[in-house]
Protein backbone atom coordinates (compact mmCIF):
# COMPACT_ATOMS: atom_id res chain seq x y z
CA UNK A 1 0.22 -0.20 0.10
CA UNK A 2 1.60 3.31 -1.10
CA UNK A 3 1.73 6.46 1.04
CA UNK A 4 -0.38 8.49 -1.12
CA UNK A 5 -3.38 5.79 -0.81
CA UNK A 6 -3.30 7.33 2.65
CA UNK A 7 -2.65 10.68 2.19
CA UNK A 8 -3.78 12.22 -0.88
CA UNK A 9 -6.24 15.13 -1.37
CA UNK A 10 -9.35 13.50 -2.98
CA UNK A 11 -10.21 14.84 -6.02
CA UNK A 12 -13.98 16.16 -5.98
CA UNK A 13 -15.23 12.44 -7.63
CA UNK A 14 -13.49 11.01 -5.18
CA UNK A 15 -14.87 7.48 -3.77
CA UNK A 16 -13.53 5.09 -2.21
CA UNK A 17 -13.47 1.41 -3.93
CA UNK A 18 -16.44 -0.71 -3.28
CA UNK A 19 -15.43 -2.76 0.26
CA UNK A 20 -15.34 -6.41 -0.08
CA UNK A 21 -18.31 -8.85 1.49
CA UNK A 22 -16.74 -11.58 3.72
CA UNK A 23 -16.44 -11.68 7.45
CA UNK A 24 -17.28 -8.46 8.41
CA UNK A 25 -20.07 -7.36 5.52
CA UNK A 26 -22.33 -5.84 7.66
CA UNK A 27 -25.06 -7.10 5.43
CA UNK A 28 -23.92 -10.68 6.71
CA UNK A 29 -25.35 -10.14 10.53
CA UNK A 30 -25.26 -7.24 13.54
CA UNK A 31 -22.48 -6.01 14.60
CA UNK A 32 -23.17 -7.78 17.94
CA UNK A 33 -22.96 -11.36 16.27
CA UNK A 34 -19.74 -10.08 13.99
CA UNK A 35 -17.86 -8.69 17.64
CA UNK A 36 -18.82 -11.71 19.58
CA UNK A 37 -17.48 -13.98 16.55
CA UNK A 38 -14.35 -11.26 16.95
CA UNK A 39 -13.48 -11.56 20.17
CA UNK A 40 -14.08 -15.43 20.06
CA UNK A 41 -11.73 -15.67 16.87
CA UNK A 42 -9.03 -12.90 18.13
CA UNK A 43 -9.41 -12.09 21.56
CA UNK A 44 -11.58 -9.23 22.65
CA UNK A 45 -8.87 -6.45 22.57
CA UNK A 46 -9.69 -3.05 20.94
CA UNK A 47 -6.49 -1.24 19.97
CA UNK A 48 -6.97 2.90 19.46
CA UNK A 49 -5.30 4.44 16.58
CA UNK A 50 -4.53 7.85 18.12
CA UNK A 51 -1.90 9.40 16.31
CA UNK A 52 -1.06 12.54 18.95
CA UNK A 53 1.37 14.37 17.75
CA UNK A 54 4.05 13.42 20.95
CA UNK A 55 3.69 10.00 19.56
CA UNK A 56 4.05 10.70 15.77
CA UNK A 57 7.35 12.21 17.27
CA UNK A 58 8.63 9.45 19.26
CA UNK A 59 8.15 7.79 15.84
CA UNK A 60 10.63 9.99 14.14
CA UNK A 61 7.47 11.17 11.88
CA UNK A 62 6.55 14.76 11.17
CA UNK A 63 3.38 15.90 12.58
CA UNK A 64 1.97 16.26 8.77
CA UNK A 65 -0.26 14.48 6.56
CA UNK A 66 2.55 12.46 5.38
CA UNK A 67 3.46 11.59 8.98
CA UNK A 68 -0.23 10.71 10.11
CA UNK A 69 -0.48 8.17 6.85
CA UNK A 70 2.92 6.73 7.84
CA UNK A 71 1.62 6.40 11.24
CA UNK A 72 -1.74 4.74 10.21
CA UNK A 73 -0.73 2.65 7.51
CA UNK A 74 1.93 1.35 10.00
CA UNK A 75 -0.79 0.31 12.72
CA UNK A 76 -3.28 -1.25 10.17
CA UNK A 77 -0.46 -3.36 8.98
CA UNK A 78 0.70 -4.87 11.56
CA UNK A 79 -1.76 -5.51 13.56
CA UNK A 80 -5.25 -5.71 11.04
CA UNK A 81 -4.73 -9.64 10.83
CA UNK A 82 -4.49 -10.51 14.36
CA UNK A 83 -6.70 -7.78 16.54
CA UNK A 84 -10.85 -7.73 17.00
CA UNK A 85 -11.12 -4.09 16.84
CA UNK A 86 -9.66 -0.78 15.95
CA UNK A 87 -10.73 2.21 17.20
CA UNK A 88 -9.65 5.47 15.30
CA UNK A 89 -9.72 8.26 17.22
CA UNK A 90 -11.19 10.76 14.42
CA UNK A 91 -10.38 14.19 16.19
CA UNK A 92 -6.75 13.66 15.31
CA UNK A 93 -7.39 13.15 12.09
CA UNK A 94 -9.90 16.00 11.95
CA UNK A 95 -7.08 18.13 12.69
CA UNK A 96 -5.31 18.04 9.04
CA UNK A 97 -8.70 18.81 7.15
CA UNK A 98 -9.38 17.07 4.23
CA UNK A 99 -6.39 15.10 3.16
CA UNK A 100 -6.23 13.96 6.92
CA UNK A 101 -9.71 12.77 6.08
CA UNK A 102 -8.71 10.61 2.98
CA UNK A 103 -6.31 8.97 5.56
CA UNK A 104 -8.88 8.07 7.82
CA UNK A 105 -11.03 6.64 4.88
CA UNK A 106 -8.10 4.71 3.36
CA UNK A 107 -7.53 3.28 7.10
CA UNK A 108 -11.25 2.09 7.54
CA UNK A 109 -11.57 0.42 4.54
CA UNK A 110 -7.73 -1.45 5.00
CA UNK A 111 -8.79 -2.13 8.34
CA UNK A 112 -11.96 -4.21 7.56
CA UNK A 113 -10.13 -5.82 4.04
CA UNK A 114 -7.79 -6.98 6.83
CA UNK A 115 -11.09 -8.55 8.91
CA UNK A 116 -10.84 -6.41 12.38
CA UNK A 117 -14.35 -4.24 13.04
CA UNK A 118 -13.58 -0.56 13.19
CA UNK A 119 -15.22 1.36 15.97
CA UNK A 120 -14.82 5.16 14.73
CA UNK A 121 -14.65 7.29 18.20
CA UNK A 122 -16.25 10.51 17.52
CA UNK A 123 -18.16 10.67 20.27
CA UNK A 124 -21.01 12.31 18.26
CA UNK A 125 -24.40 13.99 20.05
CA UNK A 126 -26.63 16.54 19.04
CA UNK A 127 -30.81 16.65 18.20
CA UNK A 128 -32.90 15.85 15.54
CA UNK A 129 -31.63 16.48 12.26
CA UNK A 130 -27.83 17.33 13.08
CA UNK A 131 -27.85 13.65 14.77
CA UNK A 132 -29.09 12.18 12.04
CA UNK A 133 -26.41 14.03 9.85
CA UNK A 134 -23.69 12.69 12.18
CA UNK A 135 -25.35 9.54 12.11
CA UNK A 136 -25.44 8.86 7.89
CA UNK A 137 -21.68 10.21 7.91
CA UNK A 138 -20.95 6.69 9.93
CA UNK A 139 -23.38 4.66 9.80
CA UNK A 140 -24.63 4.64 6.54
CA UNK A 141 -23.38 1.67 3.79
CA UNK A 142 -22.37 3.89 1.02
CA UNK A 143 -20.64 6.51 3.49
CA UNK A 144 -16.89 6.53 2.67
CA UNK A 145 -16.38 6.91 6.68
CA UNK A 146 -18.75 3.95 7.09
CA UNK A 147 -17.52 2.17 10.44
CA UNK A 148 -18.96 -1.40 12.39
CA UNK A 149 -19.49 0.63 15.15
CA UNK A 150 -19.58 4.42 16.47
CA UNK A 151 -18.86 6.28 20.17
CA UNK A 152 -22.03 8.51 21.03
CA UNK A 153 -22.65 11.02 23.74
CA UNK A 154 -26.48 10.95 25.01
CA UNK A 155 -26.18 13.59 27.21
CA UNK A 156 -28.91 15.61 25.26
CA UNK A 157 -30.70 12.79 26.93
CA UNK A 158 -30.82 9.12 25.12
CA UNK A 159 -33.63 10.01 22.87
CA UNK A 160 -31.44 12.57 21.18
CA UNK A 161 -29.57 9.68 20.10
CA UNK A 162 -32.46 7.66 18.11
CA UNK A 163 -31.58 8.89 14.55
CA UNK A 164 -28.06 7.11 15.10
CA UNK A 165 -29.93 3.77 16.94
CA UNK A 166 -32.12 3.41 13.75
CA UNK A 167 -29.55 3.90 11.09
CA UNK A 168 -27.45 1.15 13.50
CA UNK A 169 -29.72 -0.96 13.15
CA UNK A 170 -30.82 -1.29 9.56
CA UNK A 171 -27.24 -0.90 8.58
CA UNK A 172 -25.89 -3.94 10.82
CA UNK A 173 -24.00 -1.36 12.40
CA UNK A 174 -23.54 -0.58 16.64
CA UNK A 175 -23.23 2.24 19.17
CA UNK A 176 -20.96 2.88 21.96
CA UNK A 177 -22.45 4.70 24.25
CA UNK A 178 -20.74 6.65 27.25
CA UNK A 179 -21.35 5.37 30.29
CA UNK A 180 -19.33 5.34 32.93
CA UNK A 181 -16.13 7.13 31.41
CA UNK A 182 -12.48 6.88 32.53
CA UNK A 183 -12.14 10.75 32.96
CA UNK A 184 -12.70 12.06 36.63
CA UNK A 185 -14.40 14.81 35.38
CA UNK A 186 -17.29 12.50 34.17
CA UNK A 187 -18.76 11.73 37.48
CA UNK A 188 -20.09 14.52 37.65
CA UNK A 189 -22.94 14.24 34.90
CA UNK A 190 -22.83 10.66 34.89
CA UNK A 191 -23.43 9.55 38.69
CA UNK A 192 -25.76 12.51 39.33
CA UNK A 193 -29.10 11.98 40.57
CA UNK A 194 -32.02 11.65 39.21
CA UNK A 195 -35.59 12.15 41.24
CA UNK A 196 -36.31 8.78 40.72
CA UNK A 197 -33.01 8.03 42.94
CA UNK A 198 -31.34 6.40 39.32
CA UNK A 199 -27.55 8.25 38.18
CA UNK A 200 -28.01 8.98 34.57
CA UNK A 201 -24.89 6.28 33.93
CA UNK A 202 -27.26 3.78 35.45
CA UNK A 203 -30.32 5.50 33.33
CA UNK A 204 -28.22 5.41 30.28
CA UNK A 205 -27.22 1.15 30.87
CA UNK A 206 -31.11 0.89 31.18
CA UNK A 207 -31.58 2.09 28.20
CA UNK A 208 -29.31 0.07 26.15
CA UNK A 209 -29.86 -3.19 27.94
CA UNK A 210 -33.25 -2.17 26.56
CA UNK A 211 -32.13 -2.10 22.93
CA UNK A 212 -30.55 -5.26 23.28
CA UNK A 213 -32.86 -7.17 24.74
CA UNK A 214 -33.81 -10.63 22.51
CA UNK A 215 -30.34 -10.13 20.95
CA UNK A 216 -28.16 -13.35 20.28
CA UNK A 217 -25.43 -14.12 20.68
CA UNK A 218 -24.73 -10.37 22.40
CA UNK A 219 -26.45 -7.23 21.36
CA UNK A 220 -24.57 -4.19 19.11
CA UNK A 221 -25.70 -0.95 21.54
CA UNK A 222 -22.79 -1.71 23.66
CA UNK A 223 -21.88 0.71 26.45
CA UNK A 224 -18.20 2.79 27.38
CA UNK A 225 -17.38 1.38 31.17
CA UNK A 226 -13.76 2.93 32.34
CA UNK A 227 -11.32 0.42 33.39
CA UNK A 228 -9.99 2.20 35.98
CA UNK A 229 -13.05 2.94 38.39
CA UNK A 230 -12.72 0.07 40.55
CA UNK A 231 -16.32 -1.63 41.66
CA UNK A 232 -18.83 -1.16 39.91
CA UNK A 233 -20.96 -3.47 41.84
CA UNK A 234 -23.70 -0.78 42.46
CA UNK A 235 -24.39 -0.92 38.67
CA UNK A 236 -26.48 -3.13 36.24
CA UNK A 237 -23.71 -3.68 33.38
CA UNK A 238 -25.50 -6.81 32.11
CA UNK A 239 -27.27 -4.85 29.25
CA UNK A 240 -26.80 -8.08 26.92
CA UNK A 241 -24.07 -5.81 24.64
CA UNK A 242 -20.50 -4.94 24.76
CA UNK A 243 -18.98 -2.96 27.28
CA UNK A 244 -16.05 -0.83 26.11
CA UNK A 245 -13.11 -0.71 28.24
CA UNK A 246 -11.09 1.95 28.07
CA UNK A 247 -7.71 3.14 30.81
CA UNK A 248 -5.80 -0.47 30.03
CA UNK A 249 -2.24 0.52 29.78
CA UNK A 250 -1.24 4.38 30.03
CA UNK A 251 -4.03 5.30 32.03
CA UNK A 252 -3.34 3.34 34.71
CA UNK A 253 -5.56 -0.25 34.75
CA UNK A 254 -4.40 -3.49 33.39
CA UNK A 255 -6.36 -6.49 32.09
CA UNK A 256 -6.15 -8.53 36.13
CA UNK A 257 -8.41 -5.44 36.94
CA UNK A 258 -11.35 -6.26 34.65
CA UNK A 259 -12.85 -9.29 36.50
CA UNK A 260 -13.07 -6.76 40.10
CA UNK A 261 -14.60 -3.97 38.03
CA UNK A 262 -16.59 -5.98 35.92
CA UNK A 263 -17.91 -8.48 37.30
CA UNK A 264 -20.54 -11.13 36.45
CA UNK A 265 -20.65 -8.90 32.98
CA UNK A 266 -16.59 -9.64 32.53
CA UNK A 267 -17.37 -12.03 29.29
CA UNK A 268 -18.95 -8.98 27.48
CA UNK A 269 -15.88 -6.44 28.12
CA UNK A 270 -13.75 -4.89 24.90
CA UNK A 271 -10.53 -4.04 26.61
CA UNK A 272 -9.16 -0.75 24.57
CA UNK A 273 -5.53 0.37 24.82
CA UNK A 274 -3.79 2.47 22.86
CA UNK A 275 -0.46 4.23 24.13
CA UNK A 276 0.37 0.86 25.41
CA UNK A 277 0.77 -0.86 21.78
CA UNK A 278 1.56 1.85 19.69
CA UNK A 279 4.73 3.30 21.83
CA UNK A 280 6.39 0.34 20.62
CA UNK A 281 6.02 1.52 17.39
CA UNK A 282 7.06 2.28 15.00
CA UNK A 283 8.77 -1.48 14.72
CA UNK A 284 5.86 -3.79 13.43
CA UNK A 285 7.39 -6.59 15.27
CA UNK A 286 7.42 -4.75 18.43
CA UNK A 287 3.38 -2.96 17.53
CA UNK A 288 2.22 -6.99 17.22
CA UNK A 289 4.11 -8.34 20.33
CA UNK A 290 2.92 -5.72 22.36
CA UNK A 291 -0.53 -5.98 21.28
CA UNK A 292 -0.60 -10.02 21.84
CA UNK A 293 0.94 -9.32 25.23
CA UNK A 294 -2.00 -7.80 26.06
CA UNK A 295 -4.08 -10.18 24.72
CA UNK A 296 -3.03 -12.64 26.24
CA UNK A 297 -3.20 -11.31 30.05
CA UNK A 298 -6.70 -10.16 28.80
CA UNK A 299 -7.28 -14.02 28.26
CA UNK A 300 -5.95 -15.36 31.14
CA UNK A 301 -7.57 -12.55 33.40
CA UNK A 302 -10.80 -13.59 32.07
CA UNK A 303 -10.52 -17.74 32.57
């Protein structure tokens, strides 16, 4: 794959090549089923693609589109055939404008061609037609940024996410809703108590359980729940959907913490690691070894 494929400015009539049908074809089955299969076959590990300026520098790359393209291509080529899920952080691509988005489009396509699922970490949240437009950007099949799933923020009210929920369901995609995030600031909103005595986080988890009711083997509507939060036994995490667990590695959580944090719901946890793997680049063997090490530690913790 050429650097130009990841970094060229798209022409006005630019359209990515069609994605192949196959194990990750969203028309075949819903996201939850595809994620469960990927977790069973490849292990339940999500690797973030977070091209921070400092990380590009650590790799000996310039903080420009060429550096972004080289970084992204290296990660996808090194890990695309072994990890279950990639989580590109869209902001690090958006900061380069249309050329950065062209890199992101190609990364999504190439990752899915290698059999990995793609969770777009964009944390979108709005109302009405604006939320619908965000949903169409990432969850409509003919969009160049179509992804297997999308992170969304529910704090304009869970009902504001309905356009994304409906489009995800229609196209076999999924959502990960911010519920109990790993950043300390999140608690002032997520643990606020409603008039009915439930926290906002518990309310969001309840909505997700309703979305996933009856889904087998796993629902497509997941929650983001930080692995750094300690004992969460006061929350009902049995939503019949995936639980994305950021905070592994650089933020201080370890795979061994997962059973203590998630309890009986641990089988549905998708641990997410970014810097803990990416800092081992640009050597592809070192990237693979780091991802394999985390995946092995996760398997040991969950056995």
